[in-house]
């Protein structure tokens, strides 16, 4: 068989495996074809597509680049290369790729849509608007465009068109505005009835008036709001801080979203003070305590500024009923649960390019990707059972968040001895219910600590399994496989002792709600009265 026939045979076999979605075999045959004829047309394109299916974005980009060298007139290579660059959050190279795709195929709606998204993520609001408008000119029912168009207009201070775009989205069947867009929409509606030119600075009064700008479910003062945050805010009145529903009379406006405060700052300017307060790690990613917007300061309190959480117990109010009673030590003589040394991971999968890019001082502080990696590699070798949403078919046992999430979580934990329970990110005293729930459920936590982690202010060394002490998931799995029950029992009992000590501290300090309220009230007063904080 001559070389041409051999190449064709490998390509044909590669196509067959590709149709069956047997990516590895397809890739193997395409690569064999290239070894014989490196200039075979469209093969690098197929390889790039396979790497995209495998979510190997760097390899996909390299393959599409090679196809472009061989066949520079194929618009699809540029388009899909742009998609891979988007996954890596490389906005400017993605923009270049989509622009090249449009030169070759100028009426392809998805290139305009993706280009608009890349400009949107790169904060190039005018160019994002231009490409989203071209998208809906070609396909008016792409309703995602209207939400981002509204947001772009808000970032540019164009309130009326922003409202129009949000209203247009809601006119479609099934059209929904997601946070923070739903809040922004309600704020824009309210602003239609306010004469901003008539507003002056609030008059002096004995109390500070606070307007909470997140309407609806996620309002910090809403009766459905998370218990710990609601309790912190509900005690502010005792500190001389009055909550008002009239934004025009407020001294300070508070929100969990920067874009909301940015909008208020552009409307009211120096007539108001502004504070971002959130206990959610992805609601705000500012690392500084103040951000300047057109000469107006927006003050920041989030988990990265170090003034929201005071210790490792701040979020234990979620389990206040459990912390009221001490846990019993482990007395068994051997691994007694059905799943023996298997690890359970109760976690949703968040895609690369979605939540995973979080860097501070040149160091990644994100834990989504690394815990996804551990769970997936463990699943592939039969060491980890995964419960949660967002994973590919056949990986998860169930979406454990359906129904009564808390009770179902503890039902699942009771079958296992080990629980992978990383936080979402790394920050001082950012310790949620995850490690505590593992202990409550009788599992030894597998946690991400590290040498300087504040978690060790409460947990002694050699209690939970600290993933920072392992080089890779395989080393962790081997360690667990070799672990004796004596070591397991010692570690878990140290965790239980820590839990019981924490419970006693929490009960004696009212779960630190008064202290956290004092901290927030002091911050609000320092902003409004322009006085320094005690620790400054």
Protein backbone atom coordinates (compact mmCIF):
# COMPACT_ATOMS: atom_id res chain seq x y z
CA UNK A 1 0.00 0.00 0.00
CA UNK A 2 1.46 3.40 -1.01
CA UNK A 3 1.68 6.33 1.38
CA UNK A 4 -1.41 8.03 -0.05
CA UNK A 5 -3.55 4.94 0.54
CA UNK A 6 -2.14 4.49 4.03
CA UNK A 7 -2.90 8.11 4.94
CA UNK A 8 -6.44 7.76 3.58
CA UNK A 9 -6.92 4.56 5.59
CA UNK A 10 -5.85 6.24 8.84
CA UNK A 11 -8.06 9.27 8.09
CA UNK A 12 -11.03 7.05 7.29
CA UNK A 13 -10.55 5.10 10.50
CA UNK A 14 -10.12 8.36 12.41
CA UNK A 15 -13.44 9.63 10.99
CA UNK A 16 -15.16 6.43 12.03
CA UNK A 17 -13.92 6.72 15.63
CA UNK A 18 -14.77 10.42 15.57
CA UNK A 19 -18.39 9.67 14.66
CA UNK A 20 -18.50 7.20 17.56
CA UNK A 21 -17.03 9.90 19.86
CA UNK A 22 -14.15 7.61 20.65
CA UNK A 23 -11.83 10.58 20.88
CA UNK A 24 -8.62 8.82 21.85
CA UNK A 25 -8.74 6.31 19.00
CA UNK A 26 -9.73 9.01 16.53
CA UNK A 27 -6.83 11.15 17.70
CA UNK A 28 -4.40 8.25 17.42
CA UNK A 29 -5.35 7.56 13.78
CA UNK A 30 -5.29 11.22 12.75
CA UNK A 31 -1.83 11.57 14.27
CA UNK A 32 -0.61 8.52 12.35
CA UNK A 33 -1.89 10.11 9.14
CA UNK A 34 0.03 13.31 9.93
CA UNK A 35 3.23 11.40 10.63
CA UNK A 36 3.12 10.21 7.01
CA UNK A 37 1.78 13.42 5.46
CA UNK A 38 2.08 16.50 7.73
CA UNK A 39 0.19 18.64 5.19
CA UNK A 40 -2.98 16.58 5.04
CA UNK A 41 -5.83 19.12 4.79
CA UNK A 42 -8.39 19.42 7.61
CA UNK A 43 -6.76 16.81 9.83
CA UNK A 44 -5.35 19.37 12.26
CA UNK A 45 -8.81 20.93 12.30
CA UNK A 46 -10.32 17.57 13.31
CA UNK A 47 -7.63 17.13 15.95
CA UNK A 48 -8.41 20.58 17.33
CA UNK A 49 -12.08 19.66 17.55
CA UNK A 50 -11.21 16.46 19.43
CA UNK A 51 -9.07 18.38 21.92
CA UNK A 52 -11.98 20.75 22.46
CA UNK A 53 -14.23 17.81 23.27
CA UNK A 54 -11.57 16.62 25.71
CA UNK A 55 -11.37 20.17 27.15
CA UNK A 56 -7.63 20.27 26.41
CA UNK A 57 -7.72 23.87 25.31
CA UNK A 58 -4.00 24.51 24.79
CA UNK A 59 -3.70 21.45 22.53
CA UNK A 60 -6.80 22.52 20.62
CA UNK A 61 -5.33 25.99 20.01
CA UNK A 62 -2.05 24.49 18.76
CA UNK A 63 -3.93 22.20 16.34
CA UNK A 64 -6.06 25.03 14.93
CA UNK A 65 -2.95 27.19 14.50
CA UNK A 66 -1.32 24.39 12.50
CA UNK A 67 -4.42 24.04 10.32
CA UNK A 68 -4.34 27.79 9.66
CA UNK A 69 -0.73 27.49 8.41
CA UNK A 70 -1.79 24.76 5.96
CA UNK A 71 -5.18 26.23 5.07
CA UNK A 72 -5.39 29.95 6.01
CA UNK A 73 -8.78 30.42 4.33
CA UNK A 74 -10.80 28.16 6.62
CA UNK A 75 -12.86 30.46 8.86
CA UNK A 76 -13.84 27.63 11.19
CA UNK A 77 -10.26 27.21 12.39
CA UNK A 78 -10.17 30.82 13.57
CA UNK A 79 -13.64 30.58 15.12
CA UNK A 80 -13.01 27.43 17.14
CA UNK A 81 -9.55 28.60 18.12
CA UNK A 82 -11.29 31.69 19.51
CA UNK A 83 -13.62 29.47 21.51
CA UNK A 84 -10.66 27.63 23.06
CA UNK A 85 -8.97 30.94 23.89
CA UNK A 86 -12.20 32.06 25.59
CA UNK A 87 -12.06 28.98 27.81
CA UNK A 88 -8.61 30.10 28.95
CA UNK A 89 -9.88 33.67 29.47
CA UNK A 90 -7.41 34.97 26.89
CA UNK A 91 -9.70 37.70 25.68
CA UNK A 92 -7.44 39.68 23.33
CA UNK A 93 -6.13 36.67 21.36
CA UNK A 94 -9.73 35.42 21.15
CA UNK A 95 -10.79 38.80 19.74
CA UNK A 96 -8.10 38.55 17.05
CA UNK A 97 -9.24 35.01 16.17
CA UNK A 98 -12.89 36.04 15.79
CA UNK A 99 -11.96 39.09 13.71
CA UNK A 100 -10.03 36.82 11.33
CA UNK A 101 -12.99 34.44 11.18
CA UNK A 102 -15.27 37.34 10.20
CA UNK A 103 -12.92 38.45 7.42
CA UNK A 104 -13.45 35.06 5.80
CA UNK A 105 -17.13 34.61 6.70
CA UNK A 106 -18.57 38.09 7.34
CA UNK A 107 -22.18 37.10 8.03
CA UNK A 108 -21.63 34.28 10.53
CA UNK A 109 -23.78 35.24 13.49
CA UNK A 110 -21.86 33.21 16.08
CA UNK A 111 -18.61 34.99 15.31
CA UNK A 112 -20.27 38.32 16.10
CA UNK A 113 -21.86 36.86 19.23
CA UNK A 114 -18.56 35.39 20.46
CA UNK A 115 -16.65 38.54 19.54
CA UNK A 116 -19.18 40.58 21.51
CA UNK A 117 -18.66 38.30 24.50
CA UNK A 118 -14.86 38.57 24.26
CA UNK A 119 -15.06 42.37 24.13
CA UNK A 120 -17.54 42.24 27.03
CA UNK A 121 -15.14 40.21 29.17
CA UNK A 122 -12.28 42.52 28.20
CA UNK A 123 -14.31 45.55 29.40
CA UNK A 124 -14.43 47.05 25.89
CA UNK A 125 -18.05 48.09 26.28
CA UNK A 126 -18.58 50.08 23.04
CA UNK A 127 -17.13 47.31 20.87
CA UNK A 128 -19.14 44.69 22.76
CA UNK A 129 -22.31 46.70 22.06
CA UNK A 130 -21.49 47.02 18.34
CA UNK A 131 -21.02 43.26 17.95
CA UNK A 132 -24.06 42.30 20.01
CA UNK A 133 -26.16 44.68 17.89
CA UNK A 134 -24.83 43.02 14.72
CA UNK A 135 -25.67 39.63 16.29
CA UNK A 136 -29.33 40.52 16.92
CA UNK A 137 -29.56 42.14 13.50
CA UNK A 138 -28.75 38.71 12.06
CA UNK A 139 -30.64 36.69 14.71
CA UNK A 140 -32.98 38.81 16.87
CA UNK A 141 -33.98 35.97 19.22
CA UNK A 142 -30.50 35.48 20.71
CA UNK A 143 -31.76 36.83 24.01
CA UNK A 144 -28.46 36.55 25.92
CA UNK A 145 -27.29 39.53 23.87
CA UNK A 146 -29.89 41.81 25.43
CA UNK A 147 -28.76 41.09 28.99
CA UNK A 148 -25.15 41.90 28.17
CA UNK A 149 -26.19 44.93 26.10
CA UNK A 150 -28.00 46.28 29.14
CA UNK A 151 -24.96 45.71 31.31
CA UNK A 152 -22.62 47.41 28.82
CA UNK A 153 -24.87 50.47 28.75
CA UNK A 154 -24.89 50.60 32.54
CA UNK A 155 -21.08 50.50 32.58
CA UNK A 156 -21.15 53.48 30.19
CA UNK A 157 -23.76 55.33 32.29
CA UNK A 158 -26.40 54.99 29.55
CA UNK A 159 -29.41 54.26 31.76
CA UNK A 160 -32.32 54.54 29.28
CA UNK A 161 -30.96 52.17 26.63
CA UNK A 162 -29.91 49.77 29.41
CA UNK A 163 -33.50 49.64 30.64
CA UNK A 164 -34.78 49.17 27.09
CA UNK A 165 -32.47 46.20 26.49
CA UNK A 166 -33.49 44.54 29.78
CA UNK A 167 -37.17 45.08 28.91
CA UNK A 168 -36.59 43.62 25.45
CA UNK A 169 -35.10 40.46 26.98
CA UNK A 170 -38.07 40.08 29.32
CA UNK A 171 -40.48 40.39 26.37
CA UNK A 172 -39.33 36.99 25.06
CA UNK A 173 -40.96 33.79 26.28
CA UNK A 174 -38.74 32.41 29.02
CA UNK A 175 -36.66 35.57 29.19
CA UNK A 176 -35.02 35.84 32.62
CA UNK A 177 -32.60 38.38 34.09
CA UNK A 178 -30.06 36.73 36.38
CA UNK A 179 -28.29 38.42 39.31
CA UNK A 180 -27.14 41.14 39.33
CA UNK A 181 -29.07 42.10 36.19
CA UNK A 182 -32.46 41.59 37.86
CA UNK A 183 -31.40 44.00 40.62
CA UNK A 184 -30.09 46.52 38.11
CA UNK A 185 -33.37 46.34 36.20
CA UNK A 186 -35.39 47.18 39.34
CA UNK A 187 -33.04 50.01 40.18
CA UNK A 188 -33.40 51.47 36.68
CA UNK A 189 -37.19 51.32 37.07
CA UNK A 190 -36.95 53.16 40.40
CA UNK A 191 -34.69 55.83 38.94
CA UNK A 192 -37.32 56.78 36.35
CA UNK A 193 -39.36 58.41 39.15
CA UNK A 194 -36.50 60.22 40.93
CA UNK A 195 -35.56 63.83 40.20
CA UNK A 196 -31.84 63.60 40.90
CA UNK A 197 -31.29 67.32 40.34
CA UNK A 198 -33.38 68.07 43.44
CA UNK A 199 -31.40 65.83 45.79
CA UNK A 200 -29.01 67.37 48.28
CA UNK A 201 -26.80 65.85 50.93
CA UNK A 202 -28.79 64.26 53.79
CA UNK A 203 -29.30 66.57 56.76
CA UNK A 204 -27.46 65.90 60.00
CA UNK A 205 -29.27 63.44 62.25
CA UNK A 206 -28.45 61.27 65.21
CA UNK A 207 -28.72 58.09 63.14
CA UNK A 208 -27.04 57.00 59.96
CA UNK A 209 -29.49 55.99 57.23
CA UNK A 210 -28.56 52.92 55.18
CA UNK A 211 -30.17 51.88 51.89
CA UNK A 212 -29.70 48.23 50.92
CA UNK A 213 -29.60 48.19 47.11
CA UNK A 214 -30.04 44.47 46.38
CA UNK A 215 -33.80 44.00 46.05
CA UNK A 216 -35.50 40.65 46.34
CA UNK A 217 -34.26 37.32 47.62
CA UNK A 218 -30.60 38.26 48.08
CA UNK A 219 -31.27 41.41 50.06
CA UNK A 220 -29.19 41.20 53.22
CA UNK A 221 -32.29 42.22 55.19
CA UNK A 222 -34.78 39.97 53.42
CA UNK A 223 -36.43 37.37 55.61
CA UNK A 224 -35.24 34.68 53.17
CA UNK A 225 -31.64 35.87 53.27
CA UNK A 226 -28.98 33.56 54.69
CA UNK A 227 -29.36 33.41 58.48
CA UNK A 228 -25.90 34.59 59.55
CA UNK A 229 -25.88 37.63 57.25
CA UNK A 230 -29.45 38.59 58.16
CA UNK A 231 -28.62 38.42 61.87
CA UNK A 232 -25.55 40.61 61.45
CA UNK A 233 -27.53 43.30 59.62
CA UNK A 234 -30.63 43.09 61.80
CA UNK A 235 -28.65 44.33 64.82
CA UNK A 236 -27.32 47.47 63.13
CA UNK A 237 -30.21 49.61 64.43
CA UNK A 238 -28.93 49.09 67.96
CA UNK A 239 -25.72 50.78 66.79
CA UNK A 240 -27.51 53.94 65.59
CA UNK A 241 -27.77 52.82 61.97
CA UNK A 242 -31.29 53.04 60.54
CA UNK A 243 -32.37 51.07 57.49
CA UNK A 244 -34.38 53.08 54.98
CA UNK A 245 -36.27 52.03 51.87
CA UNK A 246 -35.88 55.53 50.38
CA UNK A 247 -32.56 55.72 48.58
CA UNK A 248 -32.77 59.51 48.25
CA UNK A 249 -32.56 60.05 52.03
CA UNK A 250 -29.81 57.48 52.65
CA UNK A 251 -26.38 58.45 53.92
CA UNK A 252 -24.81 55.23 52.65
CA UNK A 253 -25.79 52.74 49.97
CA UNK A 254 -24.73 49.12 50.40
CA UNK A 255 -24.75 46.20 47.96
CA UNK A 256 -23.11 42.85 47.32
CA UNK A 257 -22.37 43.79 43.70
CA UNK A 258 -19.80 46.30 42.52
CA UNK A 259 -21.67 47.19 39.33
CA UNK A 260 -24.72 48.22 41.36
CA UNK A 261 -22.68 50.57 43.55
CA UNK A 262 -20.82 51.81 40.51
CA UNK A 263 -24.16 52.79 38.98
CA UNK A 264 -25.30 54.56 42.15
CA UNK A 265 -21.96 56.35 42.39
CA UNK A 266 -22.39 57.70 38.87
CA UNK A 267 -25.93 58.84 39.67
CA UNK A 268 -25.41 60.38 43.10
CA UNK A 269 -21.69 61.12 43.07
CA UNK A 270 -20.46 62.58 46.37
CA UNK A 271 -24.00 63.03 47.72
CA UNK A 272 -23.84 59.48 49.11
CA UNK A 273 -21.33 57.06 50.55
CA UNK A 274 -20.95 53.52 49.19
CA UNK A 275 -20.06 50.17 50.72
CA UNK A 276 -19.80 46.79 49.06
CA UNK A 277 -20.36 44.05 51.62
CA UNK A 278 -20.44 40.38 50.68
CA UNK A 279 -19.61 37.06 52.28
CA UNK A 280 -19.67 35.21 48.95
CA UNK A 281 -16.22 34.65 47.41
CA UNK A 282 -17.29 35.20 43.78
CA UNK A 283 -19.64 38.14 44.21
CA UNK A 284 -16.69 40.51 44.38
CA UNK A 285 -13.02 39.97 43.54
CA UNK A 286 -11.54 43.27 44.64
CA UNK A 287 -8.53 42.87 46.91
CA UNK A 288 -8.27 46.52 48.01
CA UNK A 289 -10.51 48.17 50.61
CA UNK A 290 -11.35 51.12 48.34
CA UNK A 291 -11.98 51.51 44.60
CA UNK A 292 -12.25 54.87 42.83
CA UNK A 293 -15.03 55.38 40.26
CA UNK A 294 -14.90 58.75 38.52
CA UNK A 295 -13.50 60.36 41.64
CA UNK A 296 -15.99 58.69 43.99
CA UNK A 297 -14.81 56.09 46.50
CA UNK A 298 -16.52 52.72 46.79
CA UNK A 299 -15.51 50.99 50.02
CA UNK A 300 -15.04 47.24 49.95
CA UNK A 301 -15.69 44.58 52.60
CA UNK A 302 -15.34 41.08 51.19
CA UNK A 303 -13.58 37.89 52.17
CA UNK A 304 -10.32 39.12 50.61
CA UNK A 305 -10.13 42.46 52.47
CA UNK A 306 -9.87 40.60 55.79
CA UNK A 307 -12.60 42.44 57.69
CA UNK A 308 -15.67 40.26 57.09
CA UNK A 309 -14.76 37.02 58.85
CA UNK A 310 -13.13 37.15 62.26
CA UNK A 311 -12.30 33.48 62.84
CA UNK A 312 -12.94 29.98 61.50
CA UNK A 313 -16.46 29.88 62.98
CA UNK A 314 -18.10 32.80 61.16
CA UNK A 315 -20.30 30.58 59.00
CA UNK A 316 -21.11 27.97 61.65
CA UNK A 317 -24.46 29.66 62.28
CA UNK A 318 -25.64 27.43 59.40
CA UNK A 319 -25.30 24.46 61.75
CA UNK A 320 -26.11 26.15 65.08
CA UNK A 321 -28.44 23.32 66.11
CA UNK A 322 -25.65 20.74 65.63
CA UNK A 323 -22.96 22.78 67.41
CA UNK A 324 -25.20 22.93 70.47
CA UNK A 325 -24.33 19.30 71.26
CA UNK A 326 -20.84 17.73 71.42
CA UNK A 327 -19.97 14.83 69.13
CA UNK A 328 -18.86 11.46 70.47
CA UNK A 329 -15.37 10.18 69.74
CA UNK A 330 -14.82 7.26 67.37
CA UNK A 331 -14.71 3.97 69.30
CA UNK A 332 -14.76 1.41 66.48
CA UNK A 333 -11.79 -0.88 65.87
CA UNK A 334 -11.83 -0.94 62.06
CA UNK A 335 -13.28 0.81 59.02
CA UNK A 336 -16.97 0.10 59.46
CA UNK A 337 -18.79 2.02 56.72
CA UNK A 338 -20.02 0.48 53.42
CA UNK A 339 -17.67 2.43 51.15
CA UNK A 340 -14.55 1.55 53.19
CA UNK A 341 -11.67 3.81 51.98
CA UNK A 342 -13.54 5.50 49.17
CA UNK A 343 -13.68 9.30 49.14
CA UNK A 344 -16.97 11.13 48.65
CA UNK A 345 -17.04 14.49 46.85
CA UNK A 346 -20.26 16.49 47.10
CA UNK A 347 -19.61 19.33 44.67
CA UNK A 348 -20.78 20.92 41.47
CA UNK A 349 -18.38 21.12 38.59
CA UNK A 350 -17.57 24.65 37.46
CA UNK A 351 -16.02 24.94 34.00
CA UNK A 352 -12.59 26.33 33.22
CA UNK A 353 -13.09 29.90 32.09
CA UNK A 354 -16.16 30.20 34.31
CA UNK A 355 -15.03 30.56 37.90
CA UNK A 356 -11.49 29.25 37.90
CA UNK A 357 -9.36 32.32 37.16
CA UNK A 358 -8.57 33.96 40.48
CA UNK A 359 -5.03 35.23 41.09
CA UNK A 360 -3.69 37.38 43.93
CA UNK A 361 -0.11 38.66 44.08
CA UNK A 362 0.80 36.34 41.22
CA UNK A 363 -0.55 33.24 42.99
CA UNK A 364 -3.70 31.33 42.17
CA UNK A 365 -6.11 31.34 45.11
CA UNK A 366 -8.83 29.41 43.32
CA UNK A 367 -9.70 25.89 44.44
CA UNK A 368 -12.40 24.96 41.92
CA UNK A 369 -10.05 23.54 39.32
CA UNK A 370 -7.83 21.58 41.70
CA UNK A 371 -10.75 19.94 43.50
CA UNK A 372 -12.37 19.14 40.14
CA UNK A 373 -9.10 17.46 39.11
CA UNK A 374 -8.88 15.37 42.29
CA UNK A 375 -12.50 14.29 42.02
CA UNK A 376 -12.27 13.38 38.33
CA UNK A 377 -8.97 11.50 38.60
CA UNK A 378 -10.29 9.68 41.66
CA UNK A 379 -13.47 8.75 39.81
CA UNK A 380 -11.46 7.36 36.90
CA UNK A 381 -9.48 5.01 39.18
CA UNK A 382 -12.42 4.07 41.41
CA UNK A 383 -11.25 6.04 44.47
CA UNK A 384 -13.86 8.84 44.51
CA UNK A 385 -17.66 8.91 44.29
CA UNK A 386 -19.01 12.23 43.00
CA UNK A 387 -22.39 13.75 43.84
CA UNK A 388 -23.35 17.06 42.24
CA UNK A 389 -24.41 18.89 39.09
CA UNK A 390 -22.52 20.06 36.01
CA UNK A 391 -20.48 16.90 35.45
CA UNK A 392 -20.44 14.88 32.25
CA UNK A 393 -22.89 12.00 31.92
CA UNK A 394 -21.96 8.88 33.86
CA UNK A 395 -19.67 10.58 36.37
CA UNK A 396 -22.00 11.60 39.18
CA UNK A 397 -24.14 9.26 41.23
CA UNK A 398 -26.82 11.93 41.72
CA UNK A 399 -27.37 15.67 42.02
CA UNK A 400 -27.40 15.72 45.80
CA UNK A 401 -28.69 19.30 45.89
CA UNK A 402 -32.15 18.27 44.76
CA UNK A 403 -34.77 18.33 47.53
CA UNK A 404 -33.68 18.60 51.17
CA UNK A 405 -30.01 19.27 50.51
CA UNK A 406 -28.74 19.31 54.11
CA UNK A 407 -30.34 16.04 55.22
CA UNK A 408 -29.40 14.30 51.98
CA UNK A 409 -25.80 15.44 52.40
CA UNK A 410 -25.54 13.83 55.83
CA UNK A 411 -27.24 10.65 54.57
CA UNK A 412 -24.54 10.36 51.89
CA UNK A 413 -21.65 11.12 54.25
CA UNK A 414 -22.71 8.30 56.57
CA UNK A 415 -21.63 5.72 53.97
CA UNK A 416 -18.05 7.03 53.66
CA UNK A 417 -14.93 7.51 55.78
CA UNK A 418 -13.34 10.35 53.77
CA UNK A 419 -14.80 13.58 52.37
CA UNK A 420 -13.15 15.88 49.82
CA UNK A 421 -14.31 19.24 51.18
CA UNK A 422 -12.18 22.08 49.78
CA UNK A 423 -13.45 25.64 49.99
CA UNK A 424 -14.06 27.56 46.75
CA UNK A 425 -11.08 29.83 47.28
CA UNK A 426 -8.23 30.67 49.67
CA UNK A 427 -8.69 33.59 52.05
CA UNK A 428 -8.02 34.19 55.77
CA UNK A 429 -10.79 32.70 57.93
CA UNK A 430 -12.84 31.74 54.90
CA UNK A 431 -14.04 28.51 56.47
CA UNK A 432 -17.57 27.49 55.49
CA UNK A 433 -19.68 24.58 56.64
CA UNK A 434 -17.73 22.14 54.43
CA UNK A 435 -15.06 20.91 56.87
CA UNK A 436 -17.49 20.98 59.80
CA UNK A 437 -20.11 18.99 57.87
CA UNK A 438 -17.54 16.31 57.07
CA UNK A 439 -16.85 15.91 60.80
CA UNK A 440 -20.56 15.98 61.69
CA UNK A 441 -21.09 13.23 59.11
CA UNK A 442 -18.30 11.13 60.65
CA UNK A 443 -15.84 11.58 57.76
CA UNK A 444 -12.18 12.52 57.90
CA UNK A 445 -11.96 15.82 55.95
CA UNK A 446 -9.63 16.17 52.98
CA UNK A 447 -9.07 19.92 53.08
CA UNK A 448 -6.81 22.51 51.47
CA UNK A 449 -4.86 24.21 54.24
CA UNK A 450 -1.22 25.03 53.75
CA UNK A 451 1.58 26.18 56.03
CA UNK A 452 0.16 29.64 56.75
CA UNK A 453 -3.53 28.76 56.69
CA UNK A 454 -5.68 30.24 59.45
CA UNK A 455 -7.44 26.87 59.72
CA UNK A 456 -4.54 25.71 61.91
CA UNK A 457 -5.49 28.26 64.56
CA UNK A 458 -8.12 25.69 65.56
CA UNK A 459 -7.18 22.35 64.00
CA UNK A 460 -3.99 20.68 65.23
CA UNK A 461 -1.49 19.19 62.77
CA UNK A 462 -2.24 15.63 61.64
CA UNK A 463 -5.97 16.03 62.15
CA UNK A 464 -7.63 16.50 58.72
CA UNK A 465 -5.74 15.41 55.59
CA UNK A 466 -4.16 18.56 54.16
CA UNK A 467 -3.89 18.24 50.38
CA UNK A 468 -1.02 20.75 50.42
CA UNK A 469 1.14 17.94 51.82
CA UNK A 470 0.66 15.84 48.65
CA UNK A 471 2.16 16.40 45.22
CA UNK A 472 -0.77 15.13 43.18
CA UNK A 473 -4.08 13.22 43.50
CA UNK A 474 -2.35 9.86 42.99
CA UNK A 475 -0.14 10.39 46.03
CA UNK A 476 -3.22 11.27 48.10
CA UNK A 477 -5.03 8.11 46.99
CA UNK A 478 -2.00 5.95 47.78
CA UNK A 479 -1.70 7.48 51.24
CA UNK A 480 -5.34 6.76 52.02
CA UNK A 481 -5.03 3.21 50.71
CA UNK A 482 -2.09 2.55 53.07
CA UNK A 483 -3.63 4.36 56.05
CA UNK A 484 -4.16 2.17 59.10
CA UNK A 485 -7.36 2.45 61.11
CA UNK A 486 -5.30 3.56 64.10
CA UNK A 487 -4.10 6.66 62.21
CA UNK A 488 -7.58 7.28 60.80
CA UNK A 489 -9.12 7.08 64.28
CA UNK A 490 -6.51 9.42 65.77
CA UNK A 491 -6.98 11.99 63.03
CA UNK A 492 -10.78 11.91 63.12
CA UNK A 493 -10.89 12.14 66.92
CA UNK A 494 -8.65 15.22 66.77
CA UNK A 495 -11.15 16.74 64.33
CA UNK A 496 -14.02 15.83 66.65
CA UNK A 497 -12.20 17.43 69.61
CA UNK A 498 -11.77 20.60 67.53
CA UNK A 499 -15.47 20.56 66.62
CA UNK A 500 -16.50 20.22 70.26
CA UNK A 501 -14.16 23.04 71.32
CA UNK A 502 -15.57 25.24 68.55
CA UNK A 503 -19.11 24.46 69.69
CA UNK A 504 -18.33 25.60 73.22
CA UNK A 505 -16.68 28.81 71.98
CA UNK A 506 -19.64 29.56 69.70
CA UNK A 507 -22.21 29.04 72.42
CA UNK A 508 -20.28 31.28 74.81
CA UNK A 509 -20.02 34.10 72.23
CA UNK A 510 -23.51 34.05 70.65
CA UNK A 511 -21.97 32.66 67.45
CA UNK A 512 -19.98 35.93 67.17
CA UNK A 513 -22.97 37.72 65.62
CA UNK A 514 -22.64 40.74 68.00
CA UNK A 515 -18.90 41.01 67.27
CA UNK A 516 -19.46 40.90 63.52
CA UNK A 517 -22.22 43.50 63.80
CA UNK A 518 -19.85 45.76 65.78
CA UNK A 519 -17.25 45.32 63.05
CA UNK A 520 -19.70 46.25 60.27
CA UNK A 521 -21.18 49.16 62.22
CA UNK A 522 -17.73 50.57 62.89
CA UNK A 523 -16.94 50.39 59.17
CA UNK A 524 -20.18 52.14 58.20
CA UNK A 525 -19.63 54.93 60.75
CA UNK A 526 -16.04 55.44 59.64
CA UNK A 527 -17.22 55.86 56.02
CA UNK A 528 -20.16 58.17 56.70
CA UNK A 529 -18.54 60.24 59.44
CA UNK A 530 -15.16 60.12 57.68
CA UNK A 531 -13.37 58.95 60.80
CA UNK A 532 -10.56 56.38 60.83
CA UNK A 533 -11.22 52.83 61.97
CA UNK A 534 -9.78 51.91 65.36
CA UNK A 535 -7.28 49.52 63.79
CA UNK A 536 -6.09 51.99 61.15
